[in-house]
PDBML (XML) file of the C-alpha atoms, coordinates in Angstrom:
<?xml version="1.0" encoding="UTF-8" ?>
<PDBx:datablock datablockName="MODEL"
   xmlns:PDBx="http://pdbml.pdb.org/schema/pdbx-v50.xsd"
   xmlns:xsi="http://www.w3.org/2001/XMLSchema-instance"
   xsi:schemaLocation="http://pdbml.pdb.org/schema/pdbx-v50.xsd pdbx-v50.xsd">
   <PDBx:atom_siteCategory>
      <PDBx:atom_site id="1">
         <PDBx:B_iso_or_equiv>0.00</PDBx:B_iso_or_equiv>
         <PDBx:Cartn_x>10.158</PDBx:Cartn_x>
         <PDBx:Cartn_y>-11.951</PDBx:Cartn_y>
         <PDBx:Cartn_z>37.712</PDBx:Cartn_z>
         <PDBx:auth_asym_id>A</PDBx:auth_asym_id>
         <PDBx:auth_atom_id>CA</PDBx:auth_atom_id>
         <PDBx:auth_comp_id>GLU</PDBx:auth_comp_id>
         <PDBx:auth_seq_id>1</PDBx:auth_seq_id>
         <PDBx:group_PDB>ATOM</PDBx:group_PDB>
         <PDBx:label_alt_id xsi:nil="true" />
         <PDBx:label_asym_id>A</PDBx:label_asym_id>
         <PDBx:label_atom_id>CA</PDBx:label_atom_id>
         <PDBx:label_comp_id>GLU</PDBx:label_comp_id>
         <PDBx:label_entity_id>1</PDBx:label_entity_id>
         <PDBx:label_seq_id>1</PDBx:label_seq_id>
         <PDBx:occupancy>1.00</PDBx:occupancy>
         <PDBx:pdbx_PDB_model_num>1</PDBx:pdbx_PDB_model_num>
         <PDBx:type_symbol>C</PDBx:type_symbol>
      </PDBx:atom_site>
      <PDBx:atom_site id="2">
         <PDBx:B_iso_or_equiv>0.00</PDBx:B_iso_or_equiv>
         <PDBx:Cartn_x>10.289</PDBx:Cartn_x>
         <PDBx:Cartn_y>-13.803</PDBx:Cartn_y>
         <PDBx:Cartn_z>34.385</PDBx:Cartn_z>
         <PDBx:auth_asym_id>A</PDBx:auth_asym_id>
         <PDBx:auth_atom_id>CA</PDBx:auth_atom_id>
         <PDBx:auth_comp_id>SER</PDBx:auth_comp_id>
         <PDBx:auth_seq_id>2</PDBx:auth_seq_id>
         <PDBx:group_PDB>ATOM</PDBx:group_PDB>
         <PDBx:label_alt_id xsi:nil="true" />
         <PDBx:label_asym_id>A</PDBx:label_asym_id>
         <PDBx:label_atom_id>CA</PDBx:label_atom_id>
         <PDBx:label_comp_id>SER</PDBx:label_comp_id>
         <PDBx:label_entity_id>1</PDBx:label_entity_id>
         <PDBx:label_seq_id>2</PDBx:label_seq_id>
         <PDBx:occupancy>1.00</PDBx:occupancy>
         <PDBx:pdbx_PDB_model_num>1</PDBx:pdbx_PDB_model_num>
         <PDBx:type_symbol>C</PDBx:type_symbol>
      </PDBx:atom_site>
      <PDBx:atom_site id="3">
         <PDBx:B_iso_or_equiv>0.00</PDBx:B_iso_or_equiv>
         <PDBx:Cartn_x>8.887</PDBx:Cartn_x>
         <PDBx:Cartn_y>-11.014</PDBx:Cartn_y>
         <PDBx:Cartn_z>32.258</PDBx:Cartn_z>
         <PDBx:auth_asym_id>A</PDBx:auth_asym_id>
         <PDBx:auth_atom_id>CA</PDBx:auth_atom_id>
         <PDBx:auth_comp_id>SER</PDBx:auth_comp_id>
         <PDBx:auth_seq_id>3</PDBx:auth_seq_id>
         <PDBx:group_PDB>ATOM</PDBx:group_PDB>
         <PDBx:label_alt_id xsi:nil="true" />
         <PDBx:label_asym_id>A</PDBx:label_asym_id>
         <PDBx:label_atom_id>CA</PDBx:label_atom_id>
         <PDBx:label_comp_id>SER</PDBx:label_comp_id>
         <PDBx:label_entity_id>1</PDBx:label_entity_id>
         <PDBx:label_seq_id>3</PDBx:label_seq_id>
         <PDBx:occupancy>1.00</PDBx:occupancy>
         <PDBx:pdbx_PDB_model_num>1</PDBx:pdbx_PDB_model_num>
         <PDBx:type_symbol>C</PDBx:type_symbol>
      </PDBx:atom_site>
      <PDBx:atom_site id="4">
         <PDBx:B_iso_or_equiv>0.00</PDBx:B_iso_or_equiv>
         <PDBx:Cartn_x>10.602</PDBx:Cartn_x>
         <PDBx:Cartn_y>-7.561</PDBx:Cartn_y>
         <PDBx:Cartn_z>31.801</PDBx:Cartn_z>
         <PDBx:auth_asym_id>A</PDBx:auth_asym_id>
         <PDBx:auth_atom_id>CA</PDBx:auth_atom_id>
         <PDBx:auth_comp_id>GLY</PDBx:auth_comp_id>
         <PDBx:auth_seq_id>4</PDBx:auth_seq_id>
         <PDBx:group_PDB>ATOM</PDBx:group_PDB>
         <PDBx:label_alt_id xsi:nil="true" />
         <PDBx:label_asym_id>A</PDBx:label_asym_id>
         <PDBx:label_atom_id>CA</PDBx:label_atom_id>
         <PDBx:label_comp_id>GLY</PDBx:label_comp_id>
         <PDBx:label_entity_id>1</PDBx:label_entity_id>
         <PDBx:label_seq_id>4</PDBx:label_seq_id>
         <PDBx:occupancy>1.00</PDBx:occupancy>
         <PDBx:pdbx_PDB_model_num>1</PDBx:pdbx_PDB_model_num>
         <PDBx:type_symbol>C</PDBx:type_symbol>
      </PDBx:atom_site>
      <PDBx:atom_site id="5">
         <PDBx:B_iso_or_equiv>0.00</PDBx:B_iso_or_equiv>
         <PDBx:Cartn_x>12.701</PDBx:Cartn_x>
         <PDBx:Cartn_y>-7.178</PDBx:Cartn_y>
         <PDBx:Cartn_z>34.320</PDBx:Cartn_z>
         <PDBx:auth_asym_id>A</PDBx:auth_asym_id>
         <PDBx:auth_atom_id>CA</PDBx:auth_atom_id>
         <PDBx:auth_comp_id>MET</PDBx:auth_comp_id>
         <PDBx:auth_seq_id>5</PDBx:auth_seq_id>
         <PDBx:group_PDB>ATOM</PDBx:group_PDB>
         <PDBx:label_alt_id xsi:nil="true" />
         <PDBx:label_asym_id>A</PDBx:label_asym_id>
         <PDBx:label_atom_id>CA</PDBx:label_atom_id>
         <PDBx:label_comp_id>MET</PDBx:label_comp_id>
         <PDBx:label_entity_id>1</PDBx:label_entity_id>
         <PDBx:label_seq_id>5</PDBx:label_seq_id>
         <PDBx:occupancy>1.00</PDBx:occupancy>
         <PDBx:pdbx_PDB_model_num>1</PDBx:pdbx_PDB_model_num>
         <PDBx:type_symbol>C</PDBx:type_symbol>
      </PDBx:atom_site>
      <PDBx:atom_site id="6">
         <PDBx:B_iso_or_equiv>0.00</PDBx:B_iso_or_equiv>
         <PDBx:Cartn_x>16.233</PDBx:Cartn_x>
         <PDBx:Cartn_y>-5.764</PDBx:Cartn_y>
         <PDBx:Cartn_z>34.095</PDBx:Cartn_z>
         <PDBx:auth_asym_id>A</PDBx:auth_asym_id>
         <PDBx:auth_atom_id>CA</PDBx:auth_atom_id>
         <PDBx:auth_comp_id>MET</PDBx:auth_comp_id>
         <PDBx:auth_seq_id>6</PDBx:auth_seq_id>
         <PDBx:group_PDB>ATOM</PDBx:group_PDB>
         <PDBx:label_alt_id xsi:nil="true" />
         <PDBx:label_asym_id>A</PDBx:label_asym_id>
         <PDBx:label_atom_id>CA</PDBx:label_atom_id>
         <PDBx:label_comp_id>MET</PDBx:label_comp_id>
         <PDBx:label_entity_id>1</PDBx:label_entity_id>
         <PDBx:label_seq_id>6</PDBx:label_seq_id>
         <PDBx:occupancy>1.00</PDBx:occupancy>
         <PDBx:pdbx_PDB_model_num>1</PDBx:pdbx_PDB_model_num>
         <PDBx:type_symbol>C</PDBx:type_symbol>
      </PDBx:atom_site>
      <PDBx:atom_site id="7">
         <PDBx:B_iso_or_equiv>0.00</PDBx:B_iso_or_equiv>
         <PDBx:Cartn_x>19.064</PDBx:Cartn_x>
         <PDBx:Cartn_y>-3.917</PDBx:Cartn_y>
         <PDBx:Cartn_z>35.754</PDBx:Cartn_z>
         <PDBx:auth_asym_id>A</PDBx:auth_asym_id>
         <PDBx:auth_atom_id>CA</PDBx:auth_atom_id>
         <PDBx:auth_comp_id>ALA</PDBx:auth_comp_id>
         <PDBx:auth_seq_id>7</PDBx:auth_seq_id>
         <PDBx:group_PDB>ATOM</PDBx:group_PDB>
         <PDBx:label_alt_id xsi:nil="true" />
         <PDBx:label_asym_id>A</PDBx:label_asym_id>
         <PDBx:label_atom_id>CA</PDBx:label_atom_id>
         <PDBx:label_comp_id>ALA</PDBx:label_comp_id>
         <PDBx:label_entity_id>1</PDBx:label_entity_id>
         <PDBx:label_seq_id>7</PDBx:label_seq_id>
         <PDBx:occupancy>1.00</PDBx:occupancy>
         <PDBx:pdbx_PDB_model_num>1</PDBx:pdbx_PDB_model_num>
         <PDBx:type_symbol>C</PDBx:type_symbol>
      </PDBx:atom_site>
      <PDBx:atom_site id="8">
         <PDBx:B_iso_or_equiv>0.00</PDBx:B_iso_or_equiv>
         <PDBx:Cartn_x>19.165</PDBx:Cartn_x>
         <PDBx:Cartn_y>-6.413</PDBx:Cartn_y>
         <PDBx:Cartn_z>38.800</PDBx:Cartn_z>
         <PDBx:auth_asym_id>A</PDBx:auth_asym_id>
         <PDBx:auth_atom_id>CA</PDBx:auth_atom_id>
         <PDBx:auth_comp_id>SER</PDBx:auth_comp_id>
         <PDBx:auth_seq_id>8</PDBx:auth_seq_id>
         <PDBx:group_PDB>ATOM</PDBx:group_PDB>
         <PDBx:label_alt_id xsi:nil="true" />
         <PDBx:label_asym_id>A</PDBx:label_asym_id>
         <PDBx:label_atom_id>CA</PDBx:label_atom_id>
         <PDBx:label_comp_id>SER</PDBx:label_comp_id>
         <PDBx:label_entity_id>1</PDBx:label_entity_id>
         <PDBx:label_seq_id>8</PDBx:label_seq_id>
         <PDBx:occupancy>1.00</PDBx:occupancy>
         <PDBx:pdbx_PDB_model_num>1</PDBx:pdbx_PDB_model_num>
         <PDBx:type_symbol>C</PDBx:type_symbol>
      </PDBx:atom_site>
      <PDBx:atom_site id="9">
         <PDBx:B_iso_or_equiv>0.00</PDBx:B_iso_or_equiv>
         <PDBx:Cartn_x>15.437</PDBx:Cartn_x>
         <PDBx:Cartn_y>-5.979</PDBx:Cartn_y>
         <PDBx:Cartn_z>39.278</PDBx:Cartn_z>
         <PDBx:auth_asym_id>A</PDBx:auth_asym_id>
         <PDBx:auth_atom_id>CA</PDBx:auth_atom_id>
         <PDBx:auth_comp_id>LEU</PDBx:auth_comp_id>
         <PDBx:auth_seq_id>9</PDBx:auth_seq_id>
         <PDBx:group_PDB>ATOM</PDBx:group_PDB>
         <PDBx:label_alt_id xsi:nil="true" />
         <PDBx:label_asym_id>A</PDBx:label_asym_id>
         <PDBx:label_atom_id>CA</PDBx:label_atom_id>
         <PDBx:label_comp_id>LEU</PDBx:label_comp_id>
         <PDBx:label_entity_id>1</PDBx:label_entity_id>
         <PDBx:label_seq_id>9</PDBx:label_seq_id>
         <PDBx:occupancy>1.00</PDBx:occupancy>
         <PDBx:pdbx_PDB_model_num>1</PDBx:pdbx_PDB_model_num>
         <PDBx:type_symbol>C</PDBx:type_symbol>
      </PDBx:atom_site>
      <PDBx:atom_site id="10">
         <PDBx:B_iso_or_equiv>0.00</PDBx:B_iso_or_equiv>
         <PDBx:Cartn_x>16.088</PDBx:Cartn_x>
         <PDBx:Cartn_y>-2.104</PDBx:Cartn_y>
         <PDBx:Cartn_z>39.419</PDBx:Cartn_z>
         <PDBx:auth_asym_id>A</PDBx:auth_asym_id>
         <PDBx:auth_atom_id>CA</PDBx:auth_atom_id>
         <PDBx:auth_comp_id>LEU</PDBx:auth_comp_id>
         <PDBx:auth_seq_id>10</PDBx:auth_seq_id>
         <PDBx:group_PDB>ATOM</PDBx:group_PDB>
         <PDBx:label_alt_id xsi:nil="true" />
         <PDBx:label_asym_id>A</PDBx:label_asym_id>
         <PDBx:label_atom_id>CA</PDBx:label_atom_id>
         <PDBx:label_comp_id>LEU</PDBx:label_comp_id>
         <PDBx:label_entity_id>1</PDBx:label_entity_id>
         <PDBx:label_seq_id>10</PDBx:label_seq_id>
         <PDBx:occupancy>1.00</PDBx:occupancy>
         <PDBx:pdbx_PDB_model_num>1</PDBx:pdbx_PDB_model_num>
         <PDBx:type_symbol>C</PDBx:type_symbol>
      </PDBx:atom_site>
      <PDBx:atom_site id="11">
         <PDBx:B_iso_or_equiv>0.00</PDBx:B_iso_or_equiv>
         <PDBx:Cartn_x>14.243</PDBx:Cartn_x>
         <PDBx:Cartn_y>-1.510</PDBx:Cartn_y>
         <PDBx:Cartn_z>36.055</PDBx:Cartn_z>
         <PDBx:auth_asym_id>A</PDBx:auth_asym_id>
         <PDBx:auth_atom_id>CA</PDBx:auth_atom_id>
         <PDBx:auth_comp_id>GLY</PDBx:auth_comp_id>
         <PDBx:auth_seq_id>11</PDBx:auth_seq_id>
         <PDBx:group_PDB>ATOM</PDBx:group_PDB>
         <PDBx:label_alt_id xsi:nil="true" />
         <PDBx:label_asym_id>A</PDBx:label_asym_id>
         <PDBx:label_atom_id>CA</PDBx:label_atom_id>
         <PDBx:label_comp_id>GLY</PDBx:label_comp_id>
         <PDBx:label_entity_id>1</PDBx:label_entity_id>
         <PDBx:label_seq_id>11</PDBx:label_seq_id>
         <PDBx:occupancy>1.00</PDBx:occupancy>
         <PDBx:pdbx_PDB_model_num>1</PDBx:pdbx_PDB_model_num>
         <PDBx:type_symbol>C</PDBx:type_symbol>
      </PDBx:atom_site>
      <PDBx:atom_site id="12">
         <PDBx:B_iso_or_equiv>0.00</PDBx:B_iso_or_equiv>
         <PDBx:Cartn_x>12.046</PDBx:Cartn_x>
         <PDBx:Cartn_y>-2.962</PDBx:Cartn_y>
         <PDBx:Cartn_z>33.493</PDBx:Cartn_z>
         <PDBx:auth_asym_id>A</PDBx:auth_asym_id>
         <PDBx:auth_atom_id>CA</PDBx:auth_atom_id>
         <PDBx:auth_comp_id>ALA</PDBx:auth_comp_id>
         <PDBx:auth_seq_id>12</PDBx:auth_seq_id>
         <PDBx:group_PDB>ATOM</PDBx:group_PDB>
         <PDBx:label_alt_id xsi:nil="true" />
         <PDBx:label_asym_id>A</PDBx:label_asym_id>
         <PDBx:label_atom_id>CA</PDBx:label_atom_id>
         <PDBx:label_comp_id>ALA</PDBx:label_comp_id>
         <PDBx:label_entity_id>1</PDBx:label_entity_id>
         <PDBx:label_seq_id>12</PDBx:label_seq_id>
         <PDBx:occupancy>1.00</PDBx:occupancy>
         <PDBx:pdbx_PDB_model_num>1</PDBx:pdbx_PDB_model_num>
         <PDBx:type_symbol>C</PDBx:type_symbol>
      </PDBx:atom_site>
      <PDBx:atom_site id="13">
         <PDBx:B_iso_or_equiv>0.00</PDBx:B_iso_or_equiv>
         <PDBx:Cartn_x>11.579</PDBx:Cartn_x>
         <PDBx:Cartn_y>-2.907</PDBx:Cartn_y>
         <PDBx:Cartn_z>30.097</PDBx:Cartn_z>
         <PDBx:auth_asym_id>A</PDBx:auth_asym_id>
         <PDBx:auth_atom_id>CA</PDBx:auth_atom_id>
         <PDBx:auth_comp_id>SER</PDBx:auth_comp_id>
         <PDBx:auth_seq_id>13</PDBx:auth_seq_id>
         <PDBx:group_PDB>ATOM</PDBx:group_PDB>
         <PDBx:label_alt_id xsi:nil="true" />
         <PDBx:label_asym_id>A</PDBx:label_asym_id>
         <PDBx:label_atom_id>CA</PDBx:label_atom_id>
         <PDBx:label_comp_id>SER</PDBx:label_comp_id>
         <PDBx:label_entity_id>1</PDBx:label_entity_id>
         <PDBx:label_seq_id>13</PDBx:label_seq_id>
         <PDBx:occupancy>1.00</PDBx:occupancy>
         <PDBx:pdbx_PDB_model_num>1</PDBx:pdbx_PDB_model_num>
         <PDBx:type_symbol>C</PDBx:type_symbol>
      </PDBx:atom_site>
      <PDBx:atom_site id="14">
         <PDBx:B_iso_or_equiv>0.00</PDBx:B_iso_or_equiv>
         <PDBx:Cartn_x>8.490</PDBx:Cartn_x>
         <PDBx:Cartn_y>-2.999</PDBx:Cartn_y>
         <PDBx:Cartn_z>27.269</PDBx:Cartn_z>
         <PDBx:auth_asym_id>A</PDBx:auth_asym_id>
         <PDBx:auth_atom_id>CA</PDBx:auth_atom_id>
         <PDBx:auth_comp_id>PHE</PDBx:auth_comp_id>
         <PDBx:auth_seq_id>14</PDBx:auth_seq_id>
         <PDBx:group_PDB>ATOM</PDBx:group_PDB>
         <PDBx:label_alt_id xsi:nil="true" />
         <PDBx:label_asym_id>A</PDBx:label_asym_id>
         <PDBx:label_atom_id>CA</PDBx:label_atom_id>
         <PDBx:label_comp_id>PHE</PDBx:label_comp_id>
         <PDBx:label_entity_id>1</PDBx:label_entity_id>
         <PDBx:label_seq_id>14</PDBx:label_seq_id>
         <PDBx:occupancy>1.00</PDBx:occupancy>
         <PDBx:pdbx_PDB_model_num>1</PDBx:pdbx_PDB_model_num>
         <PDBx:type_symbol>C</PDBx:type_symbol>
      </PDBx:atom_site>
      <PDBx:atom_site id="15">
         <PDBx:B_iso_or_equiv>0.00</PDBx:B_iso_or_equiv>
         <PDBx:Cartn_x>10.900</PDBx:Cartn_x>
         <PDBx:Cartn_y>-4.435</PDBx:Cartn_y>
         <PDBx:Cartn_z>24.752</PDBx:Cartn_z>
         <PDBx:auth_asym_id>A</PDBx:auth_asym_id>
         <PDBx:auth_atom_id>CA</PDBx:auth_atom_id>
         <PDBx:auth_comp_id>GLU</PDBx:auth_comp_id>
         <PDBx:auth_seq_id>15</PDBx:auth_seq_id>
         <PDBx:group_PDB>ATOM</PDBx:group_PDB>
         <PDBx:label_alt_id xsi:nil="true" />
         <PDBx:label_asym_id>A</PDBx:label_asym_id>
         <PDBx:label_atom_id>CA</PDBx:label_atom_id>
         <PDBx:label_comp_id>GLU</PDBx:label_comp_id>
         <PDBx:label_entity_id>1</PDBx:label_entity_id>
         <PDBx:label_seq_id>15</PDBx:label_seq_id>
         <PDBx:occupancy>1.00</PDBx:occupancy>
         <PDBx:pdbx_PDB_model_num>1</PDBx:pdbx_PDB_model_num>
         <PDBx:type_symbol>C</PDBx:type_symbol>
      </PDBx:atom_site>
      <PDBx:atom_site id="16">
         <PDBx:B_iso_or_equiv>0.00</PDBx:B_iso_or_equiv>
         <PDBx:Cartn_x>11.778</PDBx:Cartn_x>
         <PDBx:Cartn_y>-7.035</PDBx:Cartn_y>
         <PDBx:Cartn_z>27.305</PDBx:Cartn_z>
         <PDBx:auth_asym_id>A</PDBx:auth_asym_id>
         <PDBx:auth_atom_id>CA</PDBx:auth_atom_id>
         <PDBx:auth_comp_id>ALA</PDBx:auth_comp_id>
         <PDBx:auth_seq_id>16</PDBx:auth_seq_id>
         <PDBx:group_PDB>ATOM</PDBx:group_PDB>
         <PDBx:label_alt_id xsi:nil="true" />
         <PDBx:label_asym_id>A</PDBx:label_asym_id>
         <PDBx:label_atom_id>CA</PDBx:label_atom_id>
         <PDBx:label_comp_id>ALA</PDBx:label_comp_id>
         <PDBx:label_entity_id>1</PDBx:label_entity_id>
         <PDBx:label_seq_id>16</PDBx:label_seq_id>
         <PDBx:occupancy>1.00</PDBx:occupancy>
         <PDBx:pdbx_PDB_model_num>1</PDBx:pdbx_PDB_model_num>
         <PDBx:type_symbol>C</PDBx:type_symbol>
      </PDBx:atom_site>
      <PDBx:atom_site id="17">
         <PDBx:B_iso_or_equiv>0.00</PDBx:B_iso_or_equiv>
         <PDBx:Cartn_x>8.514</PDBx:Cartn_x>
         <PDBx:Cartn_y>-8.368</PDBx:Cartn_y>
         <PDBx:Cartn_z>27.918</PDBx:Cartn_z>
         <PDBx:auth_asym_id>A</PDBx:auth_asym_id>
         <PDBx:auth_atom_id>CA</PDBx:auth_atom_id>
         <PDBx:auth_comp_id>PHE</PDBx:auth_comp_id>
         <PDBx:auth_seq_id>17</PDBx:auth_seq_id>
         <PDBx:group_PDB>ATOM</PDBx:group_PDB>
         <PDBx:label_alt_id xsi:nil="true" />
         <PDBx:label_asym_id>A</PDBx:label_asym_id>
         <PDBx:label_atom_id>CA</PDBx:label_atom_id>
         <PDBx:label_comp_id>PHE</PDBx:label_comp_id>
         <PDBx:label_entity_id>1</PDBx:label_entity_id>
         <PDBx:label_seq_id>17</PDBx:label_seq_id>
         <PDBx:occupancy>1.00</PDBx:occupancy>
         <PDBx:pdbx_PDB_model_num>1</PDBx:pdbx_PDB_model_num>
         <PDBx:type_symbol>C</PDBx:type_symbol>
      </PDBx:atom_site>
      <PDBx:atom_site id="18">
         <PDBx:B_iso_or_equiv>0.00</PDBx:B_iso_or_equiv>
         <PDBx:Cartn_x>7.878</PDBx:Cartn_x>
         <PDBx:Cartn_y>-8.721</PDBx:Cartn_y>
         <PDBx:Cartn_z>24.311</PDBx:Cartn_z>
         <PDBx:auth_asym_id>A</PDBx:auth_asym_id>
         <PDBx:auth_atom_id>CA</PDBx:auth_atom_id>
         <PDBx:auth_comp_id>VAL</PDBx:auth_comp_id>
         <PDBx:auth_seq_id>18</PDBx:auth_seq_id>
         <PDBx:group_PDB>ATOM</PDBx:group_PDB>
         <PDBx:label_alt_id xsi:nil="true" />
         <PDBx:label_asym_id>A</PDBx:label_asym_id>
         <PDBx:label_atom_id>CA</PDBx:label_atom_id>
         <PDBx:label_comp_id>VAL</PDBx:label_comp_id>
         <PDBx:label_entity_id>1</PDBx:label_entity_id>
         <PDBx:label_seq_id>18</PDBx:label_seq_id>
         <PDBx:occupancy>1.00</PDBx:occupancy>
         <PDBx:pdbx_PDB_model_num>1</PDBx:pdbx_PDB_model_num>
         <PDBx:type_symbol>C</PDBx:type_symbol>
      </PDBx:atom_site>
      <PDBx:atom_site id="19">
         <PDBx:B_iso_or_equiv>0.00</PDBx:B_iso_or_equiv>
         <PDBx:Cartn_x>11.486</PDBx:Cartn_x>
         <PDBx:Cartn_y>-10.643</PDBx:Cartn_y>
         <PDBx:Cartn_z>24.016</PDBx:Cartn_z>
         <PDBx:auth_asym_id>A</PDBx:auth_asym_id>
         <PDBx:auth_atom_id>CA</PDBx:auth_atom_id>
         <PDBx:auth_comp_id>LEU</PDBx:auth_comp_id>
         <PDBx:auth_seq_id>19</PDBx:auth_seq_id>
         <PDBx:group_PDB>ATOM</PDBx:group_PDB>
         <PDBx:label_alt_id xsi:nil="true" />
         <PDBx:label_asym_id>A</PDBx:label_asym_id>
         <PDBx:label_atom_id>CA</PDBx:label_atom_id>
         <PDBx:label_comp_id>LEU</PDBx:label_comp_id>
         <PDBx:label_entity_id>1</PDBx:label_entity_id>
         <PDBx:label_seq_id>19</PDBx:label_seq_id>
         <PDBx:occupancy>1.00</PDBx:occupancy>
         <PDBx:pdbx_PDB_model_num>1</PDBx:pdbx_PDB_model_num>
         <PDBx:type_symbol>C</PDBx:type_symbol>
      </PDBx:atom_site>
      <PDBx:atom_site id="20">
         <PDBx:B_iso_or_equiv>0.00</PDBx:B_iso_or_equiv>
         <PDBx:Cartn_x>10.594</PDBx:Cartn_x>
         <PDBx:Cartn_y>-12.577</PDBx:Cartn_y>
         <PDBx:Cartn_z>27.064</PDBx:Cartn_z>
         <PDBx:auth_asym_id>A</PDBx:auth_asym_id>
         <PDBx:auth_atom_id>CA</PDBx:auth_atom_id>
         <PDBx:auth_comp_id>ASP</PDBx:auth_comp_id>
         <PDBx:auth_seq_id>20</PDBx:auth_seq_id>
         <PDBx:group_PDB>ATOM</PDBx:group_PDB>
         <PDBx:label_alt_id xsi:nil="true" />
         <PDBx:label_asym_id>A</PDBx:label_asym_id>
         <PDBx:label_atom_id>CA</PDBx:label_atom_id>
         <PDBx:label_comp_id>ASP</PDBx:label_comp_id>
         <PDBx:label_entity_id>1</PDBx:label_entity_id>
         <PDBx:label_seq_id>20</PDBx:label_seq_id>
         <PDBx:occupancy>1.00</PDBx:occupancy>
         <PDBx:pdbx_PDB_model_num>1</PDBx:pdbx_PDB_model_num>
         <PDBx:type_symbol>C</PDBx:type_symbol>
      </PDBx:atom_site>
      <PDBx:atom_site id="21">
         <PDBx:B_iso_or_equiv>0.00</PDBx:B_iso_or_equiv>
         <PDBx:Cartn_x>7.239</PDBx:Cartn_x>
         <PDBx:Cartn_y>-13.868</PDBx:Cartn_y>
         <PDBx:Cartn_z>25.873</PDBx:Cartn_z>
         <PDBx:auth_asym_id>A</PDBx:auth_asym_id>
         <PDBx:auth_atom_id>CA</PDBx:auth_atom_id>
         <PDBx:auth_comp_id>ASN</PDBx:auth_comp_id>
         <PDBx:auth_seq_id>21</PDBx:auth_seq_id>
         <PDBx:group_PDB>ATOM</PDBx:group_PDB>
         <PDBx:label_alt_id xsi:nil="true" />
         <PDBx:label_asym_id>A</PDBx:label_asym_id>
         <PDBx:label_atom_id>CA</PDBx:label_atom_id>
         <PDBx:label_comp_id>ASN</PDBx:label_comp_id>
         <PDBx:label_entity_id>1</PDBx:label_entity_id>
         <PDBx:label_seq_id>21</PDBx:label_seq_id>
         <PDBx:occupancy>1.00</PDBx:occupancy>
         <PDBx:pdbx_PDB_model_num>1</PDBx:pdbx_PDB_model_num>
         <PDBx:type_symbol>C</PDBx:type_symbol>
      </PDBx:atom_site>
      <PDBx:atom_site id="22">
         <PDBx:B_iso_or_equiv>0.00</PDBx:B_iso_or_equiv>
         <PDBx:Cartn_x>9.003</PDBx:Cartn_x>
         <PDBx:Cartn_y>-15.387</PDBx:Cartn_y>
         <PDBx:Cartn_z>22.755</PDBx:Cartn_z>
         <PDBx:auth_asym_id>A</PDBx:auth_asym_id>
         <PDBx:auth_atom_id>CA</PDBx:auth_atom_id>
         <PDBx:auth_comp_id>GLU</PDBx:auth_comp_id>
         <PDBx:auth_seq_id>22</PDBx:auth_seq_id>
         <PDBx:group_PDB>ATOM</PDBx:group_PDB>
         <PDBx:label_alt_id xsi:nil="true" />
         <PDBx:label_asym_id>A</PDBx:label_asym_id>
         <PDBx:label_atom_id>CA</PDBx:label_atom_id>
         <PDBx:label_comp_id>GLU</PDBx:label_comp_id>
         <PDBx:label_entity_id>1</PDBx:label_entity_id>
         <PDBx:label_seq_id>22</PDBx:label_seq_id>
         <PDBx:occupancy>1.00</PDBx:occupancy>
         <PDBx:pdbx_PDB_model_num>1</PDBx:pdbx_PDB_model_num>
         <PDBx:type_symbol>C</PDBx:type_symbol>
      </PDBx:atom_site>
      <PDBx:atom_site id="23">
         <PDBx:B_iso_or_equiv>0.00</PDBx:B_iso_or_equiv>
         <PDBx:Cartn_x>11.456</PDBx:Cartn_x>
         <PDBx:Cartn_y>-17.010</PDBx:Cartn_y>
         <PDBx:Cartn_z>24.761</PDBx:Cartn_z>
         <PDBx:auth_asym_id>A</PDBx:auth_asym_id>
         <PDBx:auth_atom_id>CA</PDBx:auth_atom_id>
         <PDBx:auth_comp_id>MET</PDBx:auth_comp_id>
         <PDBx:auth_seq_id>23</PDBx:auth_seq_id>
         <PDBx:group_PDB>ATOM</PDBx:group_PDB>
         <PDBx:label_alt_id xsi:nil="true" />
         <PDBx:label_asym_id>A</PDBx:label_asym_id>
         <PDBx:label_atom_id>CA</PDBx:label_atom_id>
         <PDBx:label_comp_id>MET</PDBx:label_comp_id>
         <PDBx:label_entity_id>1</PDBx:label_entity_id>
         <PDBx:label_seq_id>23</PDBx:label_seq_id>
         <PDBx:occupancy>1.00</PDBx:occupancy>
         <PDBx:pdbx_PDB_model_num>1</PDBx:pdbx_PDB_model_num>
         <PDBx:type_symbol>C</PDBx:type_symbol>
      </PDBx:atom_site>
      <PDBx:atom_site id="24">
         <PDBx:B_iso_or_equiv>0.00</PDBx:B_iso_or_equiv>
         <PDBx:Cartn_x>9.350</PDBx:Cartn_x>
         <PDBx:Cartn_y>-18.386</PDBx:Cartn_y>
         <PDBx:Cartn_z>27.247</PDBx:Cartn_z>
         <PDBx:auth_asym_id>A</PDBx:auth_asym_id>
         <PDBx:auth_atom_id>CA</PDBx:auth_atom_id>
         <PDBx:auth_comp_id>LEU</PDBx:auth_comp_id>
         <PDBx:auth_seq_id>24</PDBx:auth_seq_id>
         <PDBx:group_PDB>ATOM</PDBx:group_PDB>
         <PDBx:label_alt_id xsi:nil="true" />
         <PDBx:label_asym_id>A</PDBx:label_asym_id>
         <PDBx:label_atom_id>CA</PDBx:label_atom_id>
         <PDBx:label_comp_id>LEU</PDBx:label_comp_id>
         <PDBx:label_entity_id>1</PDBx:label_entity_id>
         <PDBx:label_seq_id>24</PDBx:label_seq_id>
         <PDBx:occupancy>1.00</PDBx:occupancy>
         <PDBx:pdbx_PDB_model_num>1</PDBx:pdbx_PDB_model_num>
         <PDBx:type_symbol>C</PDBx:type_symbol>
      </PDBx:atom_site>
      <PDBx:atom_site id="25">
         <PDBx:B_iso_or_equiv>0.00</PDBx:B_iso_or_equiv>
         <PDBx:Cartn_x>7.747</PDBx:Cartn_x>
         <PDBx:Cartn_y>-20.063</PDBx:Cartn_y>
         <PDBx:Cartn_z>24.133</PDBx:Cartn_z>
         <PDBx:auth_asym_id>A</PDBx:auth_asym_id>
         <PDBx:auth_atom_id>CA</PDBx:auth_atom_id>
         <PDBx:auth_comp_id>SER</PDBx:auth_comp_id>
         <PDBx:auth_seq_id>25</PDBx:auth_seq_id>
         <PDBx:group_PDB>ATOM</PDBx:group_PDB>
         <PDBx:label_alt_id xsi:nil="true" />
         <PDBx:label_asym_id>A</PDBx:label_asym_id>
         <PDBx:label_atom_id>CA</PDBx:label_atom_id>
         <PDBx:label_comp_id>SER</PDBx:label_comp_id>
         <PDBx:label_entity_id>1</PDBx:label_entity_id>
         <PDBx:label_seq_id>25</PDBx:label_seq_id>
         <PDBx:occupancy>1.00</PDBx:occupancy>
         <PDBx:pdbx_PDB_model_num>1</PDBx:pdbx_PDB_model_num>
         <PDBx:type_symbol>C</PDBx:type_symbol>
      </PDBx:atom_site>
   </PDBx:atom_siteCategory>
</PDBx:datablock>
């Protein structure tokens, strides 16, 4: 669940995927 998940798992976000990738670095 570490990338892209939003809204208490009800939603997914393209922008969050990109930002999570950077955060995970």
